[in-house]
PDB file of N, CA and C in Angstrom:
ATOM      1  N   MET A   1      85.133  75.766  88.012  1.00  0.00           N
ATOM      2  CA  MET A   1      85.047  74.394  88.729  1.00  0.00           C
ATOM      3  C   MET A   1      86.315  74.040  89.614  1.00  0.00           C
ATOM      4  N   THR A   2      85.994  73.601  90.645  1.00  0.00           N
ATOM      5  CA  THR A   2      86.950  73.396  91.721  1.00  0.00           C
ATOM      6  C   THR A   2      87.625  71.960  91.201  1.00  0.00           C
ATOM      7  N   GLU A   3      88.790  71.570  91.740  1.00  0.00           N
ATOM      8  CA  GLU A   3      89.444  70.459  91.558  1.00  0.00           C
ATOM      9  C   GLU A   3      88.728  69.318  91.852  1.00  0.00           C
ATOM     10  N   ILE A   4      87.924  69.253  93.048  1.00  0.00           N
ATOM     11  CA  ILE A   4      87.221  68.199  93.283  1.00  0.00           C
ATOM     12  C   ILE A   4      86.108  67.624  92.473  1.00  0.00           C
ATOM     13  N   ARG A   5      85.405  68.909  91.971  1.00  0.00           N
ATOM     14  CA  ARG A   5      84.444  68.986  90.967  1.00  0.00           C
ATOM     15  C   ARG A   5      84.801  68.310  89.630  1.00  0.00           C
ATOM     16  N   ARG A   6      86.074  68.585  89.325  1.00  0.00           N
ATOM     17  CA  ARG A   6      86.699  68.223  88.092  1.00  0.00           C
ATOM     18  C   ARG A   6      86.935  66.751  88.119  1.00  0.00           C
ATOM     19  N   LEU A   7      87.528  66.363  89.277  1.00  0.00           N
ATOM     20  CA  LEU A   7      87.577  64.925  89.495  1.00  0.00           C
ATOM     21  C   LEU A   7      86.594  64.085  89.521  1.00  0.00           C
ATOM     22  N   LEU A   8      85.423  64.458  89.750  1.00  0.00           N
ATOM     23  CA  LEU A   8      84.218  63.678  89.989  1.00  0.00           C
ATOM     24  C   LEU A   8      83.538  63.831  88.720  1.00  0.00           C
ATOM     25  N   SER A   9      83.474  64.865  87.946  1.00  0.00           N
ATOM     26  CA  SER A   9      82.538  65.291  86.741  1.00  0.00           C
ATOM     27  C   SER A   9      82.217  64.104  85.548  1.00  0.00           C
ATOM     28  N   GLY A  10      83.187  63.157  85.460  1.00  0.00           N
ATOM     29  CA  GLY A  10      83.097  62.039  84.710  1.00  0.00           C
ATOM     30  C   GLY A  10      82.150  60.939  85.008  1.00  0.00           C
ATOM     31  N   LEU A  11      82.048  61.075  86.702  1.00  0.00           N
ATOM     32  CA  LEU A  11      81.273  59.800  87.261  1.00  0.00           C
ATOM     33  C   LEU A  11      79.871  60.232  87.165  1.00  0.00           C
ATOM     34  N   PRO A  12      79.253  58.984  87.236  1.00  0.00           N
ATOM     35  CA  PRO A  12      77.528  59.194  87.400  1.00  0.00           C
ATOM     36  C   PRO A  12      77.269  60.010  88.459  1.00  0.00           C
ATOM     37  N   THR A  13      75.885  60.243  88.660  1.00  0.00           N
ATOM     38  CA  THR A  13      75.472  61.024  89.883  1.00  0.00           C
ATOM     39  C   THR A  13      75.646  60.038  91.160  1.00  0.00           C
ATOM     40  N   ARG A  14      75.221  58.865  90.931  1.00  0.00           N
ATOM     41  CA  ARG A  14      75.279  57.865  92.026  1.00  0.00           C
ATOM     42  C   ARG A  14      76.702  57.151  91.976  1.00  0.00           C
ATOM     43  N   LEU A  15      77.470  57.203  92.959  1.00  0.00           N
ATOM     44  CA  LEU A  15      78.639  56.647  93.095  1.00  0.00           C
ATOM     45  C   LEU A  15      78.890  55.341  94.094  1.00  0.00           C
ATOM     46  N   THR A  16      79.819  54.603  93.591  1.00  0.00           N
ATOM     47  CA  THR A  16      80.195  53.373  94.491  1.00  0.00           C
ATOM     48  C   THR A  16      81.300  53.700  95.549  1.00  0.00           C
ATOM     49  N   VAL A  17      81.409  52.597  96.352  1.00  0.00           N
ATOM     50  CA  VAL A  17      82.445  52.966  97.257  1.00  0.00           C
ATOM     51  C   VAL A  17      83.681  52.882  96.158  1.00  0.00           C
ATOM     52  N   GLU A  18      84.031  51.994  95.342  1.00  0.00           N
ATOM     53  CA  GLU A  18      84.903  51.676  94.770  1.00  0.00           C
ATOM     54  C   GLU A  18      85.441  53.278  93.997  1.00  0.00           C
ATOM     55  N   GLN A  19      84.340  53.881  93.448  1.00  0.00           N
ATOM     56  CA  GLN A  19      84.664  55.130  92.507  1.00  0.00           C
ATOM     57  C   GLN A  19      85.344  56.307  93.547  1.00  0.00           C
ATOM     58  N   VAL A  20      84.519  56.036  94.606  1.00  0.00           N
ATOM     59  CA  VAL A  20      85.097  57.354  95.756  1.00  0.00           C
ATOM     60  C   VAL A  20      86.225  56.895  96.051  1.00  0.00           C
ATOM     61  N   SER A  21      86.541  55.828  96.498  1.00  0.00           N
ATOM     62  CA  SER A  21      87.999  55.154  96.729  1.00  0.00           C
ATOM     63  C   SER A  21      89.072  55.499  95.783  1.00  0.00           C
ATOM     64  N   GLN A  22      88.621  55.284  94.740  1.00  0.00           N
ATOM     65  CA  GLN A  22      89.688  55.682  93.523  1.00  0.00           C
ATOM     66  C   GLN A  22      90.025  57.059  93.183  1.00  0.00           C
ATOM     67  N   VAL A  23      88.836  57.829  93.270  1.00  0.00           N
ATOM     68  CA  VAL A  23      89.109  59.435  93.007  1.00  0.00           C
ATOM     69  C   VAL A  23      89.880  60.133  94.296  1.00  0.00           C
ATOM     70  N   LEU A  24      89.683  59.323  95.616  1.00  0.00           N
ATOM     71  CA  LEU A  24      90.361  60.010  96.652  1.00  0.00           C
ATOM     72  C   LEU A  24      91.479  59.340  96.891  1.00  0.00           C
ATOM     73  N   ALA A  25      91.714  58.263  96.573  1.00  0.00           N
ATOM     74  CA  ALA A  25      93.187  57.322  96.338  1.00  0.00           C
ATOM     75  C   ALA A  25      93.127  57.030  97.878  1.00  0.00           C
ATOM     76  N   VAL A  26      92.253  56.490  98.294  1.00  0.00           N
ATOM     77  CA  VAL A  26      92.226  55.579  99.649  1.00  0.00           C
ATOM     78  C   VAL A  26      91.735  54.390  99.254  1.00  0.00           C
ATOM     79  N   PRO A  27      91.948  53.334 100.237  1.00  0.00           N
ATOM     80  CA  PRO A  27      91.515  51.956 100.121  1.00  0.00           C
ATOM     81  C   PRO A  27      89.912  52.000 100.536  1.00  0.00           C
ATOM     82  N   PRO A  28      89.025  51.018  99.883  1.00  0.00           N
ATOM     83  CA  PRO A  28      87.693  51.040 100.249  1.00  0.00           C
ATOM     84  C   PRO A  28      87.400  50.821 101.619  1.00  0.00           C
ATOM     85  N   GLN A  29      88.227  50.179 102.284  1.00  0.00           N
ATOM     86  CA  GLN A  29      87.895  50.101 103.783  1.00  0.00           C
ATOM     87  C   GLN A  29      87.695  51.559 104.525  1.00  0.00           C
ATOM     88  N   THR A  30      88.661  52.462 104.033  1.00  0.00           N
ATOM     89  CA  THR A  30      88.582  53.922 104.638  1.00  0.00           C
ATOM     90  C   THR A  30      87.511  54.439 104.122  1.00  0.00           C
ATOM     91  N   ILE A  31      86.894  54.038 103.019  1.00  0.00           N
ATOM     92  CA  ILE A  31      85.780  55.006 102.457  1.00  0.00           C
ATOM     93  C   ILE A  31      84.543  54.445 103.566  1.00  0.00           C
ATOM     94  N   TYR A  32      84.393  53.261 103.749  1.00  0.00           N
ATOM     95  CA  TYR A  32      83.365  52.436 104.521  1.00  0.00           C
ATOM     96  C   TYR A  32      83.551  53.049 106.096  1.00  0.00           C
ATOM     97  N   ARG A  33      84.562  53.211 106.444  1.00  0.00           N
ATOM     98  CA  ARG A  33      84.782  53.958 107.870  1.00  0.00           C
ATOM     99  C   ARG A  33      84.249  55.058 107.604  1.00  0.00           C
ATOM    100  N   TRP A  34      84.774  55.756 106.924  1.00  0.00           N
ATOM    101  CA  TRP A  34      84.212  57.434 106.676  1.00  0.00           C
ATOM    102  C   TRP A  34      82.601  57.460 106.410  1.00  0.00           C
ATOM    103  N   LEU A  35      81.941  56.379 105.672  1.00  0.00           N
ATOM    104  CA  LEU A  35      80.658  56.528 105.654  1.00  0.00           C
ATOM    105  C   LEU A  35      80.049  56.148 106.934  1.00  0.00           C
ATOM    106  N   ARG A  36      80.494  55.252 107.626  1.00  0.00           N
ATOM    107  CA  ARG A  36      79.964  54.791 109.092  1.00  0.00           C
ATOM    108  C   ARG A  36      80.096  56.074 109.979  1.00  0.00           C
ATOM    109  N   ASP A  37      81.043  56.567 110.066  1.00  0.00           N
ATOM    110  CA  ASP A  37      81.488  57.800 111.047  1.00  0.00           C
ATOM    111  C   ASP A  37      80.831  59.244 110.518  1.00  0.00           C
ATOM    112  N   GLY A  38      80.511  59.196 109.274  1.00  0.00           N
ATOM    113  CA  GLY A  38      79.404  60.306 108.894  1.00  0.00           C
ATOM    114  C   GLY A  38      80.598  61.401 108.053  1.00  0.00           C
ATOM    115  N   GLN A  39      81.683  60.934 107.749  1.00  0.00           N
ATOM    116  CA  GLN A  39      82.688  61.968 107.414  1.00  0.00           C
ATOM    117  C   GLN A  39      82.459  62.108 105.662  1.00  0.00           C
ATOM    118  N   ILE A  40      81.753  61.121 105.125  1.00  0.00           N
ATOM    119  CA  ILE A  40      81.030  61.521 103.762  1.00  0.00           C
ATOM    120  C   ILE A  40      79.743  61.088 103.611  1.00  0.00           C
ATOM    121  N   PRO A  41      79.041  62.038 103.159  1.00  0.00           N
ATOM    122  CA  PRO A  41      77.485  62.062 103.111  1.00  0.00           C
ATOM    123  C   PRO A  41      77.006  60.867 102.399  1.00  0.00           C
ATOM    124  N   ALA A  42      76.282  60.131 102.841  1.00  0.00           N
ATOM    125  CA  ALA A  42      75.499  59.094 102.049  1.00  0.00           C
ATOM    126  C   ALA A  42      74.408  58.425 102.774  1.00  0.00           C
ATOM    127  N   TYR A  43      73.379  57.597 102.222  1.00  0.00           N
ATOM    128  CA  TYR A  43      72.509  57.172 102.802  1.00  0.00           C
ATOM    129  C   TYR A  43      72.594  55.503 102.724  1.00  0.00           C
ATOM    130  N   LYS A  44      72.250  54.879 103.956  1.00  0.00           N
ATOM    131  CA  LYS A  44      72.453  53.537 104.138  1.00  0.00           C
ATOM    132  C   LYS A  44      71.194  53.019 103.887  1.00  0.00           C
ATOM    133  N   VAL A  45      70.793  52.082 102.925  1.00  0.00           N
ATOM    134  CA  VAL A  45      69.774  51.574 102.152  1.00  0.00           C
ATOM    135  C   VAL A  45      69.695  50.232 102.334  1.00  0.00           C
ATOM    136  N   GLY A  46      69.322  49.268 103.359  1.00  0.00           N
ATOM    137  CA  GLY A  46      69.740  47.919 103.450  1.00  0.00           C
ATOM    138  C   GLY A  46      71.339  47.850 103.934  1.00  0.00           C
ATOM    139  N   ALA A  47      71.899  46.949 103.087  1.00  0.00           N
ATOM    140  CA  ALA A  47      73.194  46.628 102.983  1.00  0.00           C
ATOM    141  C   ALA A  47      74.180  47.480 102.039  1.00  0.00           C
ATOM    142  N   SER A  48      73.436  48.343 101.365  1.00  0.00           N
ATOM    143  CA  SER A  48      74.138  49.213 100.557  1.00  0.00           C
ATOM    144  C   SER A  48      74.117  50.606 100.998  1.00  0.00           C
ATOM    145  N   TRP A  49      75.190  51.200 100.612  1.00  0.00           N
ATOM    146  CA  TRP A  49      75.322  52.858 100.493  1.00  0.00           C
ATOM    147  C   TRP A  49      75.030  53.578  99.186  1.00  0.00           C
ATOM    148  N   VAL A  50      74.215  54.473  99.357  1.00  0.00           N
ATOM    149  CA  VAL A  50      73.882  55.212  98.072  1.00  0.00           C
ATOM    150  C   VAL A  50      74.612  56.844  98.403  1.00  0.00           C
ATOM    151  N   ILE A  51      75.623  56.876  97.377  1.00  0.00           N
ATOM    152  CA  ILE A  51      76.739  57.989  97.626  1.00  0.00           C
ATOM    153  C   ILE A  51      76.364  58.680  96.483  1.00  0.00           C
ATOM    154  N   LEU A  52      75.860  60.251  96.767  1.00  0.00           N
ATOM    155  CA  LEU A  52      75.539  61.088  95.445  1.00  0.00           C
ATOM    156  C   LEU A  52      76.633  62.117  95.242  1.00  0.00           C
ATOM    157  N   ARG A  53      77.013  62.223  94.090  1.00  0.00           N
ATOM    158  CA  ARG A  53      78.242  62.842  93.691  1.00  0.00           C
ATOM    159  C   ARG A  53      78.246  64.197  94.059  1.00  0.00           C
ATOM    160  N   ASP A  54      76.987  64.852  93.891  1.00  0.00           N
ATOM    161  CA  ASP A  54      77.115  66.419  94.078  1.00  0.00           C
ATOM    162  C   ASP A  54      77.115  66.556  95.674  1.00  0.00           C
ATOM    163  N   GLU A  55      76.467  65.549  96.525  1.00  0.00           N
ATOM    164  CA  GLU A  55      76.652  65.863  97.618  1.00  0.00           C
ATOM    165  C   GLU A  55      78.199  65.677  98.377  1.00  0.00           C
ATOM    166  N   VAL A  56      78.871  64.828  97.854  1.00  0.00           N
ATOM    167  CA  VAL A  56      80.214  64.434  98.182  1.00  0.00           C
ATOM    168  C   VAL A  56      80.982  65.908  97.821  1.00  0.00           C
ATOM    169  N   CYS A  57      80.753  66.506  96.322  1.00  0.00           N
ATOM    170  CA  CYS A  57      81.521  67.693  95.972  1.00  0.00           C
ATOM    171  C   CYS A  57      81.001  68.759  96.913  1.00  0.00           C
ATOM    172  N   ASP A  58      79.923  68.972  97.315  1.00  0.00           N
ATOM    173  CA  ASP A  58      79.761  69.694  98.194  1.00  0.00           C
ATOM    174  C   ASP A  58      80.469  69.776  99.731  1.00  0.00           C
ATOM    175  N   HIS A  59      80.331  68.553 100.157  1.00  0.00           N
ATOM    176  CA  HIS A  59      80.918  68.292 101.376  1.00  0.00           C
ATOM    177  C   HIS A  59      82.310  68.284 101.486  1.00  0.00           C
ATOM    178  N   LEU A  60      83.206  67.937 100.366  1.00  0.00           N
ATOM    179  CA  LEU A  60      84.488  68.031 100.407  1.00  0.00           C
ATOM    180  C   LEU A  60      84.635  69.544 100.145  1.00  0.00           C
ATOM    181  N   GLU A  61      83.896  70.405  99.216  1.00  0.00           N
ATOM    182  CA  GLU A  61      84.354  71.885  99.366  1.00  0.00           C
ATOM    183  C   GLU A  61      84.248  72.563 100.746  1.00  0.00           C
ATOM    184  N   ALA A  62      83.241  72.207 101.198  1.00  0.00           N
ATOM    185  CA  ALA A  62      82.945  72.932 102.382  1.00  0.00           C
ATOM    186  C   ALA A  62      84.178  72.813 103.495  1.00  0.00           C
ATOM    187  N   ARG A  63      84.771  71.458 103.367  1.00  0.00           N
ATOM    188  CA  ARG A  63      85.732  70.996 104.394  1.00  0.00           C
ATOM    189  C   ARG A  63      87.071  71.370 103.736  1.00  0.00           C
ATOM    190  N   HIS A  64      87.232  71.978 102.604  1.00  0.00           N
ATOM    191  CA  HIS A  64      88.491  72.460 102.017  1.00  0.00           C
ATOM    192  C   HIS A  64      89.517  73.376 103.067  1.00  0.00           C
ATOM    193  N   ASN A  65      90.665  72.925 103.182  1.00  0.00           N
ATOM    194  CA  ASN A  65      91.633  73.663 104.002  1.00  0.00           C
ATOM    195  C   ASN A  65      91.927  75.111 103.336  1.00  0.00           C
ATOM    196  N   GLN A  66      91.719  75.897 104.299  1.00  0.00           N
ATOM    197  CA  GLN A  66      92.060  77.381 103.812  1.00  0.00           C
ATOM    198  C   GLN A  66      93.533  77.996 104.580  1.00  0.00           C
ATOM    199  N   VAL A  67      94.171  78.416 103.677  1.00  0.00           N
ATOM    200  CA  VAL A  67      95.395  78.922 103.904  1.00  0.00           C
ATOM    201  C   VAL A  67      95.225  80.198 104.848  1.00  0.00           C
ATOM    202  N   ARG A  68      95.952  80.094 106.001  1.00  0.00           N
ATOM    203  CA  ARG A  68      95.583  81.285 107.047  1.00  0.00           C
ATOM    204  C   ARG A  68      96.640  82.270 106.875  1.00  0.00           C
ATOM    205  N   SER A  69      96.486  83.741 106.843  1.00  0.00           N
ATOM    206  CA  SER A  69      97.549  84.403 106.720  1.00  0.00           C
ATOM    207  C   SER A  69      98.452  84.663 107.993  1.00  0.00           C
ATOM    208  N   ALA A  70      99.300  85.216 108.254  1.00  0.00           N
ATOM    209  CA  ALA A  70     100.294  85.094 109.591  1.00  0.00           C
ATOM    210  C   ALA A  70      99.769  86.421 110.202  1.00  0.00           C
ATOM    211  N   PRO A  71      99.342  86.342 111.444  1.00  0.00           N
ATOM    212  CA  PRO A  71      99.135  87.214 112.445  1.00  0.00           C
ATOM    213  C   PRO A  71      99.741  88.464 112.516  1.00  0.00           C
TER     214      PRO A  71
END
C-alpha cells in the first residue's frame, strides 16, 4: 500500500474538500483552486464537488515524483 493510500484509507469513498485539505495539509481554498484547474480529479454537480477517494489516490500516485539517477 502506498503512503497516499494509507493516508486516505480511513476516509469514506466520497471525500469533502475539507477532508482532502486535511490529508494534503493545504488550505481548502487551495483544494478549490486545484479542483477548478483540474489538478485533482472530481465532478462538479451543481454547486458541489464530488471527489472520489480512489480517483484521487490513482491521480496522486501517477504524479508521484521519481528520483532520477545521475547521467
